[in-house]
């Protein structure tokens, strides 16, 4: 018997505060490495060497419903970062899948892409995009 995943089976926090009010979307939370782990550099004789990348960053996109409390918090954090570049501090994002045990820790996160403001006949969600300087992915075998 398999169990279906639901966002209520996961916890996402920013700076230790739990986020709720996710948009009902396949990718309500998306965490992606920013670059490759490295690449192979080839010489003129055809020999190659693997060159490691020092990039350990990630991009996180979080979709929140228009009137969710988390939406205001994200807006306040982003506005402070944009308007106070000398005093702004980075954010820490943690995500844990309680059903499968997968964990992601993103540190030194900064807002990078402002959300689009839309109104219409749908739920009008906001997509918040941050980039982390350092990411740690810990995948388990699942249940």
C-alpha atoms as a PDB file:
ATOM      1  CA  UNK A   1       0.000   0.000   0.000  1.00  0.00           C
ATOM      2  CA  UNK A   2       1.407   3.386  -0.939  1.00  0.00           C
ATOM      3  CA  UNK A   3       0.815   6.656   0.843  1.00  0.00           C
ATOM      4  CA  UNK A   4       0.148   9.904  -0.981  1.00  0.00           C
ATOM      5  CA  UNK A   5       2.199  12.980  -0.209  1.00  0.00           C
ATOM      6  CA  UNK A   6       0.524  16.193   0.977  1.00  0.00           C
ATOM      7  CA  UNK A   7       2.079  19.490   2.034  1.00  0.00           C
ATOM      8  CA  UNK A   8       0.706  18.918   5.518  1.00  0.00           C
ATOM      9  CA  UNK A   9       3.319  16.124   5.679  1.00  0.00           C
ATOM     10  CA  UNK A  10       6.145  18.661   5.338  1.00  0.00           C
ATOM     11  CA  UNK A  11       7.525  21.570   7.318  1.00  0.00           C
ATOM     12  CA  UNK A  12       9.118  24.639   5.769  1.00  0.00           C
ATOM     13  CA  UNK A  13      10.626  27.335   7.968  1.00  0.00           C
ATOM     14  CA  UNK A  14      12.351  30.614   7.276  1.00  0.00           C
ATOM     15  CA  UNK A  15      14.456  31.948  10.128  1.00  0.00           C
ATOM     16  CA  UNK A  16      12.783  29.359  12.387  1.00  0.00           C
ATOM     17  CA  UNK A  17       9.207  30.468  11.601  1.00  0.00           C
ATOM     18  CA  UNK A  18       6.943  27.827  10.055  1.00  0.00           C
ATOM     19  CA  UNK A  19       5.407  28.751   6.709  1.00  0.00           C
ATOM     20  CA  UNK A  20       1.800  27.826   5.868  1.00  0.00           C
ATOM     21  CA  UNK A  21      -0.690  28.924   3.237  1.00  0.00           C
ATOM     22  CA  UNK A  22       0.899  27.240   0.230  1.00  0.00           C
ATOM     23  CA  UNK A  23      -0.674  27.458  -3.183  1.00  0.00           C
ATOM     24  CA  UNK A  24      -2.222  24.169  -4.320  1.00  0.00           C
ATOM     25  CA  UNK A  25       0.409  23.515  -6.975  1.00  0.00           C
ATOM     26  CA  UNK A  26       2.619  20.644  -8.035  1.00  0.00           C
ATOM     27  CA  UNK A  27       5.644  22.834  -7.328  1.00  0.00           C
ATOM     28  CA  UNK A  28       4.498  24.795  -4.272  1.00  0.00           C
ATOM     29  CA  UNK A  29       8.034  24.366  -2.923  1.00  0.00           C
ATOM     30  CA  UNK A  30      10.875  23.965  -5.391  1.00  0.00           C
ATOM     31  CA  UNK A  31      14.549  23.672  -4.417  1.00  0.00           C
ATOM     32  CA  UNK A  32      17.134  23.395  -7.205  1.00  0.00           C
ATOM     33  CA  UNK A  33      20.930  23.429  -7.232  1.00  0.00           C
ATOM     34  CA  UNK A  34      22.221  26.550  -8.982  1.00  0.00           C
ATOM     35  CA  UNK A  35      24.983  24.941 -10.986  1.00  0.00           C
ATOM     36  CA  UNK A  36      26.716  21.738 -11.894  1.00  0.00           C
ATOM     37  CA  UNK A  37      29.028  19.891  -9.517  1.00  0.00           C
ATOM     38  CA  UNK A  38      31.806  20.465 -12.021  1.00  0.00           C
ATOM     39  CA  UNK A  39      32.781  19.578 -15.564  1.00  0.00           C
ATOM     40  CA  UNK A  40      35.429  17.804 -17.567  1.00  0.00           C
ATOM     41  CA  UNK A  41      38.072  19.942 -19.260  1.00  0.00           C
ATOM     42  CA  UNK A  42      39.725  18.336 -22.291  1.00  0.00           C
ATOM     43  CA  UNK A  43      43.215  18.909 -23.606  1.00  0.00           C
ATOM     44  CA  UNK A  44      44.207  18.911 -27.280  1.00  0.00           C
ATOM     45  CA  UNK A  45      45.322  15.272 -27.004  1.00  0.00           C
ATOM     46  CA  UNK A  46      41.825  14.172 -25.902  1.00  0.00           C
ATOM     47  CA  UNK A  47      42.691  13.555 -22.267  1.00  0.00           C
ATOM     48  CA  UNK A  48      40.327  15.035 -19.731  1.00  0.00           C
ATOM     49  CA  UNK A  49      40.325  16.077 -16.135  1.00  0.00           C
ATOM     50  CA  UNK A  50      37.327  16.641 -13.880  1.00  0.00           C
ATOM     51  CA  UNK A  51      37.276  20.150 -12.422  1.00  0.00           C
ATOM     52  CA  UNK A  52      35.184  20.481  -9.263  1.00  0.00           C
ATOM     53  CA  UNK A  53      32.854  23.439  -8.883  1.00  0.00           C
ATOM     54  CA  UNK A  54      32.902  25.323  -5.603  1.00  0.00           C
ATOM     55  CA  UNK A  55      29.236  26.232  -6.152  1.00  0.00           C
ATOM     56  CA  UNK A  56      27.032  24.753  -3.431  1.00  0.00           C
ATOM     57  CA  UNK A  57      24.148  27.197  -3.802  1.00  0.00           C
ATOM     58  CA  UNK A  58      20.509  26.580  -4.575  1.00  0.00           C
ATOM     59  CA  UNK A  59      17.429  28.454  -5.713  1.00  0.00           C
ATOM     60  CA  UNK A  60      14.235  28.032  -3.723  1.00  0.00           C
ATOM     61  CA  UNK A  61      10.816  29.040  -5.047  1.00  0.00           C
ATOM     62  CA  UNK A  62       7.861  29.107  -2.678  1.00  0.00           C
ATOM     63  CA  UNK A  63       4.278  29.638  -3.851  1.00  0.00           C
ATOM     64  CA  UNK A  64       2.015  31.249  -1.255  1.00  0.00           C
ATOM     65  CA  UNK A  65      -1.670  32.124  -1.465  1.00  0.00           C
ATOM     66  CA  UNK A  66      -2.459  35.837  -1.793  1.00  0.00           C
ATOM     67  CA  UNK A  67      -3.937  36.397   1.674  1.00  0.00           C
ATOM     68  CA  UNK A  68      -1.819  33.934   3.677  1.00  0.00           C
ATOM     69  CA  UNK A  69       0.007  35.318   6.707  1.00  0.00           C
ATOM     70  CA  UNK A  70       3.302  34.004   5.278  1.00  0.00           C
ATOM     71  CA  UNK A  71       2.831  36.198   2.211  1.00  0.00           C
ATOM     72  CA  UNK A  72       2.989  39.353   4.348  1.00  0.00           C
ATOM     73  CA  UNK A  73       6.037  38.038   6.186  1.00  0.00           C
ATOM     74  CA  UNK A  74       7.868  37.363   2.909  1.00  0.00           C
ATOM     75  CA  UNK A  75       6.935  40.834   1.651  1.00  0.00           C
ATOM     76  CA  UNK A  76       8.218  42.454   4.854  1.00  0.00           C
ATOM     77  CA  UNK A  77      11.509  40.505   4.700  1.00  0.00           C
ATOM     78  CA  UNK A  78      12.016  41.354   1.024  1.00  0.00           C
ATOM     79  CA  UNK A  79      11.146  45.036   1.482  1.00  0.00           C
ATOM     80  CA  UNK A  80      13.630  45.312   4.343  1.00  0.00           C
ATOM     81  CA  UNK A  81      16.353  43.679   2.229  1.00  0.00           C
ATOM     82  CA  UNK A  82      15.681  45.959  -0.746  1.00  0.00           C
ATOM     83  CA  UNK A  83      15.403  49.195   1.255  1.00  0.00           C
ATOM     84  CA  UNK A  84      18.203  48.524   3.773  1.00  0.00           C
ATOM     85  CA  UNK A  85      21.041  46.948   1.824  1.00  0.00           C
ATOM     86  CA  UNK A  86      23.662  47.834   4.447  1.00  0.00           C
ATOM     87  CA  UNK A  87      21.692  46.458   7.428  1.00  0.00           C
ATOM     88  CA  UNK A  88      19.854  43.545   5.802  1.00  0.00           C
ATOM     89  CA  UNK A  89      20.795  40.045   6.909  1.00  0.00           C
ATOM     90  CA  UNK A  90      20.478  36.750   5.097  1.00  0.00           C
ATOM     91  CA  UNK A  91      17.789  34.164   5.800  1.00  0.00           C
ATOM     92  CA  UNK A  92      17.901  30.474   6.669  1.00  0.00           C
ATOM     93  CA  UNK A  93      15.388  28.104   5.096  1.00  0.00           C
ATOM     94  CA  UNK A  94      14.788  24.548   6.288  1.00  0.00           C
ATOM     95  CA  UNK A  95      12.484  22.013   4.661  1.00  0.00           C
ATOM     96  CA  UNK A  96      11.658  18.555   5.992  1.00  0.00           C
ATOM     97  CA  UNK A  97       9.436  15.935   4.417  1.00  0.00           C
ATOM     98  CA  UNK A  98       7.928  14.303   7.521  1.00  0.00           C
ATOM     99  CA  UNK A  99       6.637  11.300   5.592  1.00  0.00           C
ATOM    100  CA  UNK A 100       9.903  10.358   3.868  1.00  0.00           C
ATOM    101  CA  UNK A 101      12.533  12.034   6.033  1.00  0.00           C
ATOM    102  CA  UNK A 102      14.146  14.129   3.271  1.00  0.00           C
ATOM    103  CA  UNK A 103      15.723  17.337   4.601  1.00  0.00           C
ATOM    104  CA  UNK A 104      17.052  20.479   2.934  1.00  0.00           C
ATOM    105  CA  UNK A 105      18.932  23.267   4.688  1.00  0.00           C
ATOM    106  CA  UNK A 106      19.603  26.492   2.799  1.00  0.00           C
ATOM    107  CA  UNK A 107      21.765  29.112   4.475  1.00  0.00           C
ATOM    108  CA  UNK A 108      22.708  32.665   3.598  1.00  0.00           C
ATOM    109  CA  UNK A 109      19.505  33.081   1.513  1.00  0.00           C
ATOM    110  CA  UNK A 110      18.595  36.329  -0.230  1.00  0.00           C
ATOM    111  CA  UNK A 111      15.504  37.389  -2.163  1.00  0.00           C
ATOM    112  CA  UNK A 112      16.438  37.640  -5.845  1.00  0.00           C
ATOM    113  CA  UNK A 113      13.290  37.845  -7.988  1.00  0.00           C
ATOM    114  CA  UNK A 114      10.344  39.970  -6.863  1.00  0.00           C
ATOM    115  CA  UNK A 115       6.924  38.345  -7.123  1.00  0.00           C
ATOM    116  CA  UNK A 116       4.368  39.306  -9.747  1.00  0.00           C
ATOM    117  CA  UNK A 117       1.205  40.920  -8.393  1.00  0.00           C
ATOM    118  CA  UNK A 118      -1.874  39.622 -10.224  1.00  0.00           C
ATOM    119  CA  UNK A 119      -5.607  39.766  -9.667  1.00  0.00           C
ATOM    120  CA  UNK A 120      -8.219  37.782 -11.533  1.00  0.00           C
ATOM    121  CA  UNK A 121     -10.678  34.937 -11.228  1.00  0.00           C
ATOM    122  CA  UNK A 122      -8.221  32.473  -9.711  1.00  0.00           C
ATOM    123  CA  UNK A 123      -6.463  32.203  -6.340  1.00  0.00           C
ATOM    124  CA  UNK A 124      -3.739  34.768  -7.225  1.00  0.00           C
ATOM    125  CA  UNK A 125      -0.723  33.222  -5.582  1.00  0.00           C
ATOM    126  CA  UNK A 126       2.705  34.814  -5.106  1.00  0.00           C
ATOM    127  CA  UNK A 127       5.952  33.092  -6.013  1.00  0.00           C
ATOM    128  CA  UNK A 128       8.867  34.044  -3.748  1.00  0.00           C
ATOM    129  CA  UNK A 129      12.344  33.299  -5.088  1.00  0.00           C
ATOM    130  CA  UNK A 130      15.468  33.237  -2.954  1.00  0.00           C
ATOM    131  CA  UNK A 131      18.995  32.037  -3.627  1.00  0.00           C
ATOM    132  CA  UNK A 132      21.181  30.381  -1.023  1.00  0.00           C
ATOM    133  CA  UNK A 133      24.946  30.607  -0.844  1.00  0.00           C
ATOM    134  CA  UNK A 134      25.088  27.148   0.736  1.00  0.00           C
ATOM    135  CA  UNK A 135      22.689  24.233   0.415  1.00  0.00           C
ATOM    136  CA  UNK A 136      22.673  20.856   2.074  1.00  0.00           C
ATOM    137  CA  UNK A 137      20.420  18.139   0.635  1.00  0.00           C
ATOM    138  CA  UNK A 138      19.813  14.973   2.645  1.00  0.00           C
ATOM    139  CA  UNK A 139      17.625  12.471   0.786  1.00  0.00           C
ATOM    140  CA  UNK A 140      16.503   9.264   2.454  1.00  0.00           C
ATOM    141  CA  UNK A 141      15.184   6.046   0.980  1.00  0.00           C
ATOM    142  CA  UNK A 142      11.589   7.093   1.628  1.00  0.00           C
ATOM    143  CA  UNK A 143       8.679   5.120   3.022  1.00  0.00           C
END
